[in-house]
Structure formats: C-alpha cells, structure tokens
Amino acid sequence: MSIKNHKDFWAGLMFLVVGIAFAWGATNYSFGSSARPGPGYFPFGLGLLLAVLGAVEVLKALAIDTGDDNAIGAFAWRPLLTVTGAVLIFGFTLPTLGMAIALPLLVIVSSFAGDEFNWKEVIADAAILTIGSWAVFDWGLNLVIPIWPTFLGQ
C-alpha cells in the first residue's frame, strides 16, 4: 500500500496521535456522568473525535489518489519558533502583566510568523481577543485570571 497524498497522510497521522494522547491523558481525571461531567469528560471525547478524524484522513490519503504530488516541502521553522515563543512569552508574562498586556503581546508577537503583516489588523485582532477573553473568562466564568498588571496594585 502506498501513500497517495502525503500532506493529508501526515496531517491525519498527527491528528490521530494527538487525539490518542489527549484521550489517554484524560483518563487520569474523573469522568463524572453525562448530567454532571467531570474534568476528564470533555478532553476524552474531544481526543477520541480528533483521533477518529485523523484515522479517516489517513485512510483517505492511502486510498484516494488526488492526482497531485502533494509532497511535503521544507519545514517552516520561523513560524513554528515565532508562535512557540509568543505562547511562552504569554505564559511567563500573564501572572505579572495581566491579560490586558500579555494577550495583546501574544497576538502581536505571533503575527510576525505570517508572510503578511498589517498593524491595523493586528491591533484590532488583539483588542477583540482581549475584550472577548475578559468577557468569557473573567465576567462570564468568574475565573481568577489577572486582568491588570500587578504593579498597578489591583
């Protein structure tokens, strides 16, 4: 059996492996019930769904010939390292700088990973994401996430 679509095969395999890892990791948590799901309920179901979708994609890539070569090109290191760095910066700055600064910083740094950069779009995205995150996590769910920097004394 040969791989007829390399990009779909490797993407599906990645989804399959990540899905299995999440489902397996979720078994360490309580599942609860359908009426009162526990912390492992959602990640387990999502992991299984991702694994099934990955398996379907792998089988499709092995069975259906698209006629395209779809060879995997060179690995895009710059975007990978830029986005990873942005997430690390967010993780380290959130406790001290708060969501109001750390989240726009995440958006701005990660936007340098793309080929096109427009300050107006990046600032608008950062503002919308920050306001939306505040609305969901702080106002809607009442989670204890620092909104403002600690040096402001709040």
N, C-alpha and C. Protein backbone atom coordinates (compact mmCIF):
# COMPACT_ATOMS: atom_id res chain seq x y z
N MET A 1 0.84 -1.16 0.00
CA MET A 1 0.00 0.00 0.00
C MET A 1 0.90 1.24 0.00
N SER A 2 0.60 2.18 -0.86
CA SER A 2 1.42 3.38 -0.95
C SER A 2 0.60 4.61 -0.55
N ILE A 3 1.31 5.63 -0.13
CA ILE A 3 0.67 6.88 0.26
C ILE A 3 0.38 7.66 -1.02
N LYS A 4 -0.88 7.98 -1.23
CA LYS A 4 -1.28 8.68 -2.44
C LYS A 4 -1.33 10.20 -2.24
N ASN A 5 -1.44 10.65 -1.00
CA ASN A 5 -1.47 12.07 -0.69
C ASN A 5 -0.66 12.28 0.58
N HIS A 6 0.58 12.70 0.42
CA HIS A 6 1.50 12.80 1.56
C HIS A 6 1.06 13.83 2.60
N LYS A 7 0.60 14.99 2.17
CA LYS A 7 0.20 16.03 3.13
C LYS A 7 -0.97 15.56 3.99
N ASP A 8 -1.98 14.98 3.37
CA ASP A 8 -3.13 14.50 4.13
C ASP A 8 -2.76 13.34 5.04
N PHE A 9 -1.86 12.48 4.57
CA PHE A 9 -1.44 11.35 5.39
C PHE A 9 -0.76 11.82 6.66
N TRP A 10 0.22 12.70 6.54
CA TRP A 10 0.96 13.15 7.72
C TRP A 10 0.11 14.03 8.63
N ALA A 11 -0.78 14.83 8.05
CA ALA A 11 -1.69 15.63 8.88
C ALA A 11 -2.64 14.72 9.64
N GLY A 12 -3.19 13.72 8.97
CA GLY A 12 -4.08 12.77 9.63
C GLY A 12 -3.38 11.99 10.70
N LEU A 13 -2.14 11.58 10.45
CA LEU A 13 -1.37 10.85 11.45
C LEU A 13 -1.10 11.71 12.67
N MET A 14 -0.81 12.99 12.44
CA MET A 14 -0.60 13.92 13.56
C MET A 14 -1.88 14.05 14.39
N PHE A 15 -3.04 14.21 13.72
CA PHE A 15 -4.31 14.31 14.44
C PHE A 15 -4.59 13.02 15.22
N LEU A 16 -4.31 11.90 14.62
CA LEU A 16 -4.53 10.61 15.26
C LEU A 16 -3.69 10.49 16.53
N VAL A 17 -2.41 10.80 16.44
CA VAL A 17 -1.52 10.68 17.59
C VAL A 17 -1.89 11.67 18.70
N VAL A 18 -2.16 12.92 18.33
CA VAL A 18 -2.52 13.93 19.33
C VAL A 18 -3.86 13.57 19.98
N GLY A 19 -4.81 13.10 19.19
CA GLY A 19 -6.10 12.70 19.74
C GLY A 19 -5.99 11.56 20.72
N ILE A 20 -5.20 10.55 20.39
CA ILE A 20 -4.99 9.43 21.30
C ILE A 20 -4.30 9.90 22.58
N ALA A 21 -3.31 10.79 22.43
CA ALA A 21 -2.59 11.30 23.60
C ALA A 21 -3.54 12.06 24.53
N PHE A 22 -4.40 12.90 23.96
CA PHE A 22 -5.35 13.65 24.80
C PHE A 22 -6.36 12.73 25.46
N ALA A 23 -6.87 11.76 24.72
CA ALA A 23 -7.84 10.83 25.30
C ALA A 23 -7.18 10.01 26.41
N TRP A 24 -5.98 9.58 26.19
CA TRP A 24 -5.26 8.80 27.20
C TRP A 24 -4.96 9.67 28.44
N GLY A 25 -4.52 10.89 28.21
CA GLY A 25 -4.25 11.79 29.33
C GLY A 25 -5.50 12.11 30.14
N ALA A 26 -6.64 12.14 29.47
CA ALA A 26 -7.90 12.45 30.16
C ALA A 26 -8.36 11.32 31.07
N THR A 27 -7.82 10.13 30.87
CA THR A 27 -8.23 9.01 31.74
C THR A 27 -7.71 9.18 33.16
N ASN A 28 -6.79 10.11 33.39
CA ASN A 28 -6.28 10.39 34.74
C ASN A 28 -7.25 11.24 35.55
N TYR A 29 -8.29 11.75 34.91
CA TYR A 29 -9.25 12.62 35.58
C TYR A 29 -10.60 11.91 35.73
N SER A 30 -11.41 12.41 36.62
CA SER A 30 -12.74 11.86 36.83
C SER A 30 -13.63 12.18 35.63
N PHE A 31 -14.39 11.18 35.17
CA PHE A 31 -15.27 11.39 34.02
C PHE A 31 -16.61 11.99 34.42
N GLY A 32 -17.09 11.65 35.59
CA GLY A 32 -18.41 12.11 36.00
C GLY A 32 -19.48 11.39 35.20
N SER A 33 -20.58 12.07 34.93
CA SER A 33 -21.66 11.49 34.14
C SER A 33 -22.08 12.50 33.07
N SER A 34 -22.99 12.08 32.22
CA SER A 34 -23.47 12.99 31.19
C SER A 34 -24.19 14.19 31.79
N ALA A 35 -24.88 13.98 32.90
CA ALA A 35 -25.60 15.08 33.56
C ALA A 35 -24.63 16.01 34.30
N ARG A 36 -23.59 15.44 34.89
CA ARG A 36 -22.58 16.23 35.59
C ARG A 36 -21.20 15.76 35.16
N PRO A 37 -20.73 16.25 34.01
CA PRO A 37 -19.44 15.79 33.52
C PRO A 37 -18.29 16.25 34.41
N GLY A 38 -17.32 15.38 34.55
CA GLY A 38 -16.13 15.69 35.33
C GLY A 38 -15.06 16.31 34.44
N PRO A 39 -13.88 16.59 35.02
CA PRO A 39 -12.83 17.25 34.25
C PRO A 39 -12.24 16.40 33.12
N GLY A 40 -12.44 15.10 33.14
CA GLY A 40 -11.91 14.25 32.07
C GLY A 40 -12.89 13.98 30.96
N TYR A 41 -14.13 14.36 31.14
CA TYR A 41 -15.20 14.05 30.18
C TYR A 41 -14.97 14.71 28.82
N PHE A 42 -14.81 16.01 28.81
CA PHE A 42 -14.66 16.75 27.56
C PHE A 42 -13.34 16.44 26.84
N PRO A 43 -12.17 16.46 27.53
CA PRO A 43 -10.93 16.15 26.81
C PRO A 43 -10.91 14.72 26.24
N PHE A 44 -11.54 13.78 26.95
CA PHE A 44 -11.58 12.41 26.44
C PHE A 44 -12.40 12.33 25.16
N GLY A 45 -13.58 12.92 25.19
CA GLY A 45 -14.43 12.91 23.99
C GLY A 45 -13.80 13.66 22.84
N LEU A 46 -13.20 14.81 23.12
CA LEU A 46 -12.55 15.59 22.07
C LEU A 46 -11.34 14.85 21.50
N GLY A 47 -10.58 14.18 22.39
CA GLY A 47 -9.44 13.40 21.93
C GLY A 47 -9.85 12.25 21.03
N LEU A 48 -10.93 11.55 21.42
CA LEU A 48 -11.44 10.46 20.58
C LEU A 48 -11.92 10.98 19.23
N LEU A 49 -12.64 12.10 19.25
CA LEU A 49 -13.12 12.68 18.00
C LEU A 49 -11.97 13.07 17.09
N LEU A 50 -10.94 13.68 17.65
CA LEU A 50 -9.76 14.06 16.87
C LEU A 50 -9.05 12.82 16.32
N ALA A 51 -8.96 11.76 17.11
CA ALA A 51 -8.31 10.53 16.66
C ALA A 51 -9.10 9.88 15.52
N VAL A 52 -10.42 9.88 15.63
CA VAL A 52 -11.25 9.30 14.57
C VAL A 52 -11.11 10.11 13.28
N LEU A 53 -11.16 11.43 13.40
CA LEU A 53 -10.98 12.27 12.20
C LEU A 53 -9.60 12.06 11.58
N GLY A 54 -8.57 11.91 12.43
CA GLY A 54 -7.23 11.64 11.92
C GLY A 54 -7.15 10.30 11.21
N ALA A 55 -7.79 9.27 11.77
CA ALA A 55 -7.78 7.96 11.13
C ALA A 55 -8.49 7.99 9.79
N VAL A 56 -9.60 8.71 9.72
CA VAL A 56 -10.32 8.84 8.44
C VAL A 56 -9.44 9.53 7.41
N GLU A 57 -8.72 10.56 7.83
CA GLU A 57 -7.84 11.29 6.91
C GLU A 57 -6.68 10.42 6.44
N VAL A 58 -6.12 9.61 7.34
CA VAL A 58 -5.04 8.70 6.96
C VAL A 58 -5.54 7.68 5.94
N LEU A 59 -6.70 7.10 6.20
CA LEU A 59 -7.26 6.12 5.27
C LEU A 59 -7.58 6.74 3.92
N LYS A 60 -8.10 7.96 3.93
CA LYS A 60 -8.36 8.66 2.68
C LYS A 60 -7.07 8.90 1.90
N ALA A 61 -6.01 9.29 2.60
CA ALA A 61 -4.73 9.56 1.95
C ALA A 61 -4.11 8.30 1.38
N LEU A 62 -4.44 7.14 1.96
CA LEU A 62 -3.92 5.88 1.44
C LEU A 62 -4.77 5.34 0.29
N ALA A 63 -6.04 5.68 0.26
CA ALA A 63 -6.96 5.06 -0.70
C ALA A 63 -7.27 5.92 -1.91
N ILE A 64 -7.35 7.23 -1.74
CA ILE A 64 -7.81 8.10 -2.82
C ILE A 64 -6.63 8.83 -3.43
N ASP A 65 -6.45 8.64 -4.74
CA ASP A 65 -5.39 9.32 -5.46
C ASP A 65 -5.93 10.64 -5.99
N THR A 66 -5.37 11.75 -5.50
CA THR A 66 -5.85 13.07 -5.92
C THR A 66 -5.21 13.53 -7.22
N GLY A 67 -4.18 12.85 -7.66
CA GLY A 67 -3.51 13.25 -8.88
C GLY A 67 -2.41 14.27 -8.64
N ASP A 68 -2.42 14.91 -7.49
CA ASP A 68 -1.38 15.87 -7.15
C ASP A 68 -0.24 15.14 -6.46
N ASP A 69 0.94 15.72 -6.56
CA ASP A 69 2.09 15.13 -5.89
C ASP A 69 1.97 15.30 -4.38
N ASN A 70 1.59 16.51 -3.94
CA ASN A 70 1.40 16.83 -2.52
C ASN A 70 2.58 16.39 -1.67
N ALA A 71 3.77 16.56 -2.17
CA ALA A 71 4.96 16.21 -1.39
C ALA A 71 5.13 17.23 -0.27
N ILE A 72 5.68 16.76 0.83
CA ILE A 72 5.95 17.63 1.96
C ILE A 72 7.18 18.47 1.63
N GLY A 73 7.06 19.77 1.78
CA GLY A 73 8.17 20.68 1.48
C GLY A 73 9.07 20.85 2.69
N ALA A 74 9.86 21.90 2.63
CA ALA A 74 10.77 22.20 3.73
C ALA A 74 9.97 22.58 4.97
N PHE A 75 10.52 22.30 6.12
CA PHE A 75 9.85 22.59 7.38
C PHE A 75 9.92 24.09 7.65
N ALA A 76 8.81 24.69 8.03
CA ALA A 76 8.73 26.13 8.28
C ALA A 76 9.13 26.41 9.73
N TRP A 77 10.43 26.59 9.94
CA TRP A 77 10.94 26.77 11.30
C TRP A 77 10.59 28.13 11.87
N ARG A 78 10.67 29.18 11.05
CA ARG A 78 10.44 30.54 11.56
C ARG A 78 9.04 30.70 12.15
N PRO A 79 7.96 30.30 11.45
CA PRO A 79 6.64 30.43 12.07
C PRO A 79 6.48 29.56 13.31
N LEU A 80 7.04 28.36 13.28
CA LEU A 80 6.93 27.47 14.44
C LEU A 80 7.59 28.08 15.66
N LEU A 81 8.79 28.58 15.49
CA LEU A 81 9.52 29.17 16.62
C LEU A 81 8.89 30.48 17.07
N THR A 82 8.37 31.27 16.13
CA THR A 82 7.74 32.54 16.48
C THR A 82 6.48 32.32 17.31
N VAL A 83 5.62 31.42 16.88
CA VAL A 83 4.37 31.15 17.62
C VAL A 83 4.68 30.50 18.97
N THR A 84 5.62 29.56 18.99
CA THR A 84 6.01 28.93 20.25
C THR A 84 6.57 29.97 21.22
N GLY A 85 7.42 30.85 20.71
CA GLY A 85 7.96 31.93 21.54
C GLY A 85 6.88 32.85 22.06
N ALA A 86 5.89 33.16 21.22
CA ALA A 86 4.79 34.04 21.64
C ALA A 86 3.98 33.39 22.76
N VAL A 87 3.74 32.09 22.66
CA VAL A 87 2.99 31.39 23.71
C VAL A 87 3.80 31.35 25.01
N LEU A 88 5.11 31.14 24.91
CA LEU A 88 5.96 31.15 26.11
C LEU A 88 5.98 32.54 26.75
N ILE A 89 6.08 33.57 25.93
CA ILE A 89 6.04 34.94 26.46
C ILE A 89 4.72 35.18 27.18
N PHE A 90 3.61 34.74 26.59
CA PHE A 90 2.30 34.89 27.22
C PHE A 90 2.26 34.18 28.57
N GLY A 91 2.74 32.95 28.59
CA GLY A 91 2.71 32.17 29.83
C GLY A 91 3.53 32.79 30.94
N PHE A 92 4.67 33.37 30.60
CA PHE A 92 5.52 33.98 31.62
C PHE A 92 5.05 35.37 32.03
N THR A 93 4.41 36.10 31.13
CA THR A 93 4.01 37.47 31.46
C THR A 93 2.60 37.59 32.04
N LEU A 94 1.74 36.60 31.83
CA LEU A 94 0.37 36.71 32.32
C LEU A 94 0.27 36.95 33.83
N PRO A 95 1.01 36.22 34.67
CA PRO A 95 0.86 36.45 36.11
C PRO A 95 1.25 37.85 36.57
N THR A 96 2.22 38.47 35.92
CA THR A 96 2.68 39.79 36.38
C THR A 96 2.10 40.94 35.56
N LEU A 97 1.95 40.76 34.24
CA LEU A 97 1.45 41.85 33.40
C LEU A 97 -0.05 41.81 33.21
N GLY A 98 -0.68 40.69 33.51
CA GLY A 98 -2.12 40.57 33.38
C GLY A 98 -2.54 40.36 31.93
N MET A 99 -3.81 40.00 31.77
CA MET A 99 -4.35 39.70 30.44
C MET A 99 -4.37 40.93 29.54
N ALA A 100 -4.54 42.11 30.11
CA ALA A 100 -4.64 43.33 29.31
C ALA A 100 -3.36 43.63 28.54
N ILE A 101 -2.22 43.15 29.01
CA ILE A 101 -0.96 43.36 28.29
C ILE A 101 -0.45 42.06 27.68
N ALA A 102 -0.54 40.95 28.39
CA ALA A 102 0.02 39.69 27.92
C ALA A 102 -0.69 39.17 26.67
N LEU A 103 -2.00 39.32 26.59
CA LEU A 103 -2.73 38.81 25.43
C LEU A 103 -2.45 39.61 24.16
N PRO A 104 -2.47 40.96 24.21
CA PRO A 104 -2.06 41.70 23.01
C PRO A 104 -0.61 41.41 22.62
N LEU A 105 0.24 41.20 23.61
CA LEU A 105 1.64 40.85 23.32
C LEU A 105 1.71 39.51 22.57
N LEU A 106 0.90 38.54 23.00
CA LEU A 106 0.83 37.25 22.31
C LEU A 106 0.40 37.43 20.86
N VAL A 107 -0.63 38.22 20.63
CA VAL A 107 -1.14 38.42 19.27
C VAL A 107 -0.11 39.13 18.40
N ILE A 108 0.52 40.16 18.94
CA ILE A 108 1.49 40.94 18.15
C ILE A 108 2.70 40.09 17.80
N VAL A 109 3.27 39.39 18.77
CA VAL A 109 4.46 38.57 18.50
C VAL A 109 4.13 37.43 17.54
N SER A 110 3.00 36.75 17.74
CA SER A 110 2.67 35.63 16.86
C SER A 110 2.30 36.09 15.45
N SER A 111 1.88 37.34 15.30
CA SER A 111 1.53 37.82 13.96
C SER A 111 2.76 37.97 13.06
N PHE A 112 3.95 38.03 13.66
CA PHE A 112 5.18 38.10 12.87
C PHE A 112 5.50 36.75 12.20
N ALA A 113 4.77 35.71 12.53
CA ALA A 113 5.00 34.40 11.93
C ALA A 113 4.49 34.33 10.50
N GLY A 114 3.53 35.17 10.16
CA GLY A 114 2.94 35.14 8.82
C GLY A 114 3.74 35.93 7.80
N ASP A 115 3.34 35.79 6.56
CA ASP A 115 4.02 36.50 5.48
C ASP A 115 3.51 37.93 5.32
N GLU A 116 2.27 38.17 5.73
CA GLU A 116 1.69 39.50 5.61
C GLU A 116 1.49 40.06 7.01
N PHE A 117 1.79 41.34 7.17
CA PHE A 117 1.65 41.98 8.46
C PHE A 117 1.03 43.35 8.26
N ASN A 118 -0.05 43.60 9.00
CA ASN A 118 -0.75 44.88 8.91
C ASN A 118 -1.05 45.32 10.34
N TRP A 119 -0.44 46.43 10.76
CA TRP A 119 -0.60 46.89 12.14
C TRP A 119 -2.05 47.10 12.53
N LYS A 120 -2.86 47.68 11.64
CA LYS A 120 -4.26 47.94 11.95
C LYS A 120 -5.00 46.64 12.26
N GLU A 121 -4.78 45.62 11.44
CA GLU A 121 -5.44 44.33 11.65
C GLU A 121 -4.97 43.65 12.93
N VAL A 122 -3.67 43.73 13.19
CA VAL A 122 -3.11 43.10 14.39
C VAL A 122 -3.64 43.77 15.65
N ILE A 123 -3.69 45.09 15.67
CA ILE A 123 -4.21 45.81 16.83
C ILE A 123 -5.70 45.52 17.02
N ALA A 124 -6.46 45.47 15.93
CA ALA A 124 -7.89 45.15 16.02
C ALA A 124 -8.08 43.73 16.54
N ASP A 125 -7.29 42.79 16.02
CA ASP A 125 -7.38 41.40 16.50
C ASP A 125 -7.05 41.30 17.99
N ALA A 126 -5.99 41.99 18.39
CA ALA A 126 -5.58 41.95 19.80
C ALA A 126 -6.67 42.54 20.70
N ALA A 127 -7.27 43.64 20.28
CA ALA A 127 -8.32 44.28 21.08
C ALA A 127 -9.55 43.38 21.19
N ILE A 128 -9.98 42.82 20.07
CA ILE A 128 -11.16 41.95 20.08
C ILE A 128 -10.91 40.70 20.92
N LEU A 129 -9.74 40.09 20.77
CA LEU A 129 -9.41 38.89 21.53
C LEU A 129 -9.31 39.18 23.03
N THR A 130 -8.73 40.31 23.38
CA THR A 130 -8.59 40.66 24.79
C THR A 130 -9.94 40.95 25.43
N ILE A 131 -10.77 41.72 24.75
CA ILE A 131 -12.11 42.02 25.29
C ILE A 131 -12.95 40.74 25.36
N GLY A 132 -12.88 39.93 24.32
CA GLY A 132 -13.63 38.67 24.31
C GLY A 132 -13.16 37.72 25.40
N SER A 133 -11.85 37.64 25.62
CA SER A 133 -11.33 36.77 26.68
C SER A 133 -11.73 37.28 28.05
N TRP A 134 -11.68 38.60 28.23
CA TRP A 134 -12.15 39.15 29.50
C TRP A 134 -13.62 38.80 29.72
N ALA A 135 -14.44 38.97 28.66
CA ALA A 135 -15.87 38.71 28.79
C ALA A 135 -16.15 37.24 29.14
N VAL A 136 -15.43 36.34 28.51
CA VAL A 136 -15.67 34.92 28.74
C VAL A 136 -15.10 34.46 30.07
N PHE A 137 -13.81 34.72 30.30
CA PHE A 137 -13.14 34.11 31.45
C PHE A 137 -13.36 34.87 32.76
N ASP A 138 -13.32 36.18 32.72
CA ASP A 138 -13.45 36.95 33.96
C ASP A 138 -14.92 37.24 34.27
N TRP A 139 -15.62 37.79 33.34
CA TRP A 139 -17.00 38.20 33.57
C TRP A 139 -17.96 37.01 33.51
N GLY A 140 -17.84 36.17 32.46
CA GLY A 140 -18.78 35.07 32.27
C GLY A 140 -18.54 33.90 33.19
N LEU A 141 -17.30 33.44 33.30
CA LEU A 141 -16.99 32.24 34.09
C LEU A 141 -16.46 32.55 35.48
N ASN A 142 -16.20 33.81 35.77
CA ASN A 142 -15.67 34.24 37.06
C ASN A 142 -14.38 33.52 37.44
N LEU A 143 -13.51 33.28 36.46
CA LEU A 143 -12.21 32.66 36.75
C LEU A 143 -11.25 33.72 37.29
N VAL A 144 -10.34 33.27 38.13
CA VAL A 144 -9.38 34.18 38.72
C VAL A 144 -8.17 34.27 37.79
N ILE A 145 -8.24 35.21 36.86
CA ILE A 145 -7.15 35.47 35.93
C ILE A 145 -6.80 36.94 36.10
N PRO A 146 -5.51 37.24 36.31
CA PRO A 146 -5.16 38.65 36.47
C PRO A 146 -5.44 39.44 35.18
N ILE A 147 -6.21 40.50 35.32
CA ILE A 147 -6.54 41.33 34.16
C ILE A 147 -5.52 42.44 33.98
N TRP A 148 -5.17 43.08 35.07
CA TRP A 148 -4.25 44.23 35.02
C TRP A 148 -2.90 43.85 35.62
N PRO A 149 -1.85 44.57 35.27
CA PRO A 149 -0.53 44.28 35.83
C PRO A 149 -0.51 44.41 37.35
N THR A 150 0.32 43.60 37.99
CA THR A 150 0.39 43.60 39.45
C THR A 150 0.94 44.91 39.99
N PHE A 151 1.76 45.61 39.22
CA PHE A 151 2.34 46.87 39.71
C PHE A 151 1.29 47.98 39.80
N LEU A 152 0.10 47.77 39.24
CA LEU A 152 -0.96 48.76 39.38
C LEU A 152 -1.74 48.56 40.69
N GLY A 153 -1.42 47.50 41.44
CA GLY A 153 -1.99 47.28 42.75
C GLY A 153 -3.45 46.82 42.75
N GLN A 154 -3.87 46.09 41.72
CA GLN A 154 -5.26 45.64 41.68
C GLN A 154 -5.35 44.19 41.95
